[in-house]
Protein backbone atom coordinates (compact mmCIF):
# COMPACT_ATOMS: atom_id res chain seq x y z
CA MET A 1 -23.68 25.82 16.10
CA ILE A 2 -21.19 23.12 14.84
CA GLY A 3 -18.57 23.57 16.37
CA LYS A 4 -14.72 22.52 15.57
CA LEU A 5 -12.79 20.04 14.94
CA TYR A 6 -9.23 19.50 16.12
CA ILE A 7 -6.09 17.59 16.53
CA ILE A 8 -3.06 17.33 18.93
CA THR A 9 -0.49 15.33 17.26
CA GLY A 10 3.69 14.85 17.32
CA PRO A 11 6.09 12.59 18.45
CA SER A 12 5.68 10.78 21.97
CA GLY A 13 6.71 12.37 24.89
CA VAL A 14 6.57 15.67 23.68
CA GLY A 15 3.91 16.43 25.89
CA LYS A 16 0.27 16.39 24.08
CA THR A 17 -1.42 14.38 27.11
CA SER A 18 -0.22 17.67 29.29
CA VAL A 19 -1.26 20.78 26.37
CA ALA A 20 -5.11 18.21 26.00
CA MET A 21 -5.71 17.89 29.59
CA GLU A 22 -4.91 21.45 29.90
CA LEU A 23 -7.02 22.68 27.16
CA LEU A 24 -9.80 21.41 28.73
CA LYS A 25 -9.80 22.71 31.87
CA ARG A 26 -10.23 26.03 30.73
CA ARG A 27 -12.21 25.81 27.12
CA PRO A 28 -15.00 24.72 28.70
CA THR A 29 -17.10 23.86 25.44
CA LEU A 30 -14.20 22.68 24.02
CA LYS A 31 -14.53 17.86 24.83
CA LYS A 32 -12.99 14.82 23.89
CA VAL A 33 -15.00 12.03 22.88
CA VAL A 34 -14.73 8.90 25.24
CA THR A 35 -13.28 6.93 22.19
CA CYS A 36 -13.70 2.54 22.44
CA THR A 37 -10.74 0.30 23.49
CA THR A 38 -10.76 -3.62 22.61
CA ARG A 39 -8.16 -3.90 25.23
CA LYS A 40 -8.95 -4.90 29.53
CA ILE A 41 -9.55 -2.61 31.21
CA ARG A 42 -7.35 -1.44 33.75
CA GLU A 43 -7.00 -0.62 37.90
CA GLY A 44 -9.08 2.53 38.64
CA GLU A 45 -10.16 2.60 34.61
CA ILE A 46 -13.92 3.58 34.44
CA ASP A 47 -15.55 2.14 31.13
CA GLY A 48 -17.89 4.95 29.97
CA VAL A 49 -15.66 7.73 31.03
CA SER A 50 -11.72 6.27 30.83
CA TYR A 51 -13.33 4.09 27.00
CA HIS A 52 -15.90 3.10 26.48
CA PHE A 53 -14.86 -0.92 27.18
CA LEU A 54 -15.63 -3.15 23.94
CA ASN A 55 -15.07 -6.52 23.01
CA ARG A 56 -13.46 -7.31 19.08
CA GLU A 57 -16.88 -8.88 17.83
CA ASN A 58 -19.16 -4.85 19.12
CA PHE A 59 -16.14 -2.54 17.63
CA GLN A 60 -15.89 -4.33 14.84
CA ARG A 61 -19.90 -4.41 13.89
CA LEU A 62 -18.67 -0.79 14.68
CA ILE A 63 -16.49 -0.84 12.19
CA ASP A 64 -17.98 -3.24 9.06
CA GLN A 65 -21.55 -0.47 9.54
CA GLY A 66 -19.58 2.60 8.53
CA ALA A 67 -19.74 3.68 12.82
CA MET A 68 -17.14 4.64 13.55
CA PHE A 69 -15.13 8.16 13.62
CA GLU A 70 -11.50 6.71 13.16
CA TRP A 71 -9.90 4.02 14.09
CA ASP A 72 -6.70 2.14 14.47
CA GLU A 73 -4.94 -1.26 15.83
CA HIS A 74 -2.11 -1.13 18.25
CA TYR A 75 -0.37 -3.66 19.84
CA ASP A 76 -3.83 -6.42 19.21
CA ASN A 77 -5.51 -4.22 20.45
CA LEU A 78 -8.60 -2.10 18.47
CA TYR A 79 -8.96 1.31 19.31
CA GLY A 80 -11.62 4.16 18.22
CA SER A 81 -14.11 7.30 17.99
CA ARG A 82 -17.94 6.07 17.67
CA ARG A 83 -18.49 8.33 14.24
CA SER A 84 -22.33 9.49 16.27
CA ASP A 85 -19.81 10.77 19.96
CA VAL A 86 -18.35 12.66 17.82
CA GLU A 87 -21.52 14.06 16.16
CA ALA A 88 -23.43 14.42 19.05
CA LEU A 89 -20.48 17.13 20.81
CA MET A 90 -20.19 19.32 17.31
CA GLU A 91 -23.73 19.61 16.82
CA ALA A 92 -24.50 20.67 20.05
CA GLY A 93 -22.30 24.00 19.82
CA ASN A 94 -18.97 21.54 21.72
CA ASP A 95 -15.41 21.96 19.77
CA VAL A 96 -14.27 18.42 19.89
CA LEU A 97 -9.72 17.49 20.92
CA PHE A 98 -8.40 14.55 19.56
CA VAL A 99 -4.91 13.30 21.28
CA VAL A 100 -3.84 11.22 18.58
CA ASP A 101 -0.52 9.27 17.33
CA VAL A 102 0.89 11.12 13.64
CA ALA A 103 -1.26 7.46 11.85
CA GLY A 104 -4.52 8.24 13.82
CA ALA A 105 -3.59 12.58 13.10
CA LYS A 106 -3.30 11.79 9.32
CA THR A 107 -6.56 9.21 9.18
CA ILE A 108 -8.53 11.47 10.59
CA LYS A 109 -7.50 14.60 8.77
CA GLU A 110 -8.04 12.34 4.96
CA ALA A 111 -11.40 12.10 5.84
CA ASN A 112 -12.26 15.43 7.50
CA PRO A 113 -9.97 17.64 6.24
CA HIS A 114 -11.77 20.95 7.66
CA ALA A 115 -10.48 19.35 11.06
CA ILE A 116 -7.48 21.76 12.82
CA LEU A 117 -4.20 20.27 12.93
CA LEU A 118 -1.73 21.04 14.97
CA PHE A 119 1.29 18.99 15.21
CA ILE A 120 3.52 19.54 19.05
CA GLU A 121 6.68 19.33 18.94
CA ALA A 122 10.35 19.90 21.45
CA GLU A 123 12.41 21.35 20.14
CA SER A 124 15.34 19.30 19.11
CA VAL A 125 15.01 15.54 19.31
CA ASP A 126 17.80 14.96 21.61
CA GLN A 127 15.44 17.17 23.69
CA LEU A 128 12.46 15.45 23.16
CA MET A 129 15.19 12.26 23.75
CA GLU A 130 16.16 13.09 27.06
CA ARG A 131 11.89 14.23 28.02
CA ILE A 132 11.16 10.29 28.08
CA ALA A 133 14.43 9.59 30.29
CA ARG A 134 13.40 11.48 32.35
CA ARG A 135 9.95 10.44 32.15
CA ASP A 136 10.35 6.85 32.35
CA LYS A 137 12.95 7.50 34.80
CA GLY A 138 15.76 5.43 32.61
CA THR A 139 13.24 2.48 31.69
CA THR A 140 12.92 3.33 28.44
CA ALA A 141 13.38 -0.02 26.36
CA GLY A 142 15.16 0.95 23.08
CA LEU A 143 16.37 4.28 22.95
CA ASP A 144 17.76 4.06 19.22
CA GLU A 145 14.29 2.59 17.38
CA ARG A 146 12.35 5.60 19.65
CA LYS A 147 15.09 7.65 18.33
CA VAL A 148 14.40 6.90 14.73
CA ALA A 149 10.52 6.27 15.08
CA ILE A 150 11.00 10.21 16.56
CA GLN A 151 12.02 10.86 13.35
CA ARG A 152 9.66 9.20 11.10
CA GLU A 153 6.70 10.96 13.17
CA MET A 154 9.29 14.45 12.85
CA ALA A 155 8.37 13.75 9.05
CA PHE A 156 4.70 14.36 10.12
CA THR A 157 4.65 18.08 10.23
CA SER A 158 4.07 18.15 6.46
CA TYR A 159 0.47 17.76 7.04
CA ALA A 160 -0.20 19.68 10.05
CA ASP A 161 -1.91 23.51 9.86
CA HIS A 162 -0.67 24.60 12.75
CA ARG A 163 3.79 23.54 14.55
CA ILE A 164 3.33 24.33 17.84
CA VAL A 165 6.74 24.42 19.99
CA ASN A 166 6.02 22.88 23.46
CA ARG A 167 9.81 24.15 24.92
CA GLU A 168 10.79 22.45 28.49
CA ASN A 169 8.78 24.63 31.59
CA GLU A 170 7.11 26.73 29.00
CA LEU A 171 3.83 24.86 29.05
CA GLU A 172 1.71 28.15 30.06
CA LYS A 173 3.17 29.71 27.29
CA THR A 174 2.63 25.97 24.82
CA ILE A 175 -0.65 27.15 25.89
CA ASP A 176 -2.12 29.73 25.40
CA GLN A 177 -0.81 29.97 22.04
CA ILE A 178 -2.99 26.87 20.44
CA GLN A 179 -5.53 29.70 22.60
CA THR A 180 -5.19 31.49 21.23
CA LEU A 181 -5.14 29.09 17.47
CA MET A 182 -8.33 28.08 19.11
CA ASP A 183 -9.78 31.79 19.24
CA THR A 184 -8.90 32.77 15.04
């Protein structure tokens, strides 16, 4: 049995990671691919668990060989998932979960139209900005630029198969809604 491919996306601070972590706990056949990166390993991270840490040359070789399922570059580092890792999980009957920004979601969806794209959003941009400020304890730089980026990301909803509002203090309701979608 071949598993399904799910993509969770949405603006920064909307709760994508919290949603994904809870879904992974509750759904034993839902798996997140360990992605590759060229960035340096951080304290507490484990190679092969947190990421597959590769040098740029090896990562580029995988790109050139067509061995990457998806990849992108952020802040001078490459990030992506190996095709073989995704296929192995799906062929074993697992559903695969990607938690990516809107650019990554668009790339994956365009290459895999059968993928189910879930767009997580807040009640409003102002609510989302409040969450980001609380999360970052007032240290968020470039709030005006961040607000513009959020509005640009919200325009991506037209690509989504499903839009889910992750309301303040209603994570459980959000999880239940997504699980219902996954069960259909």
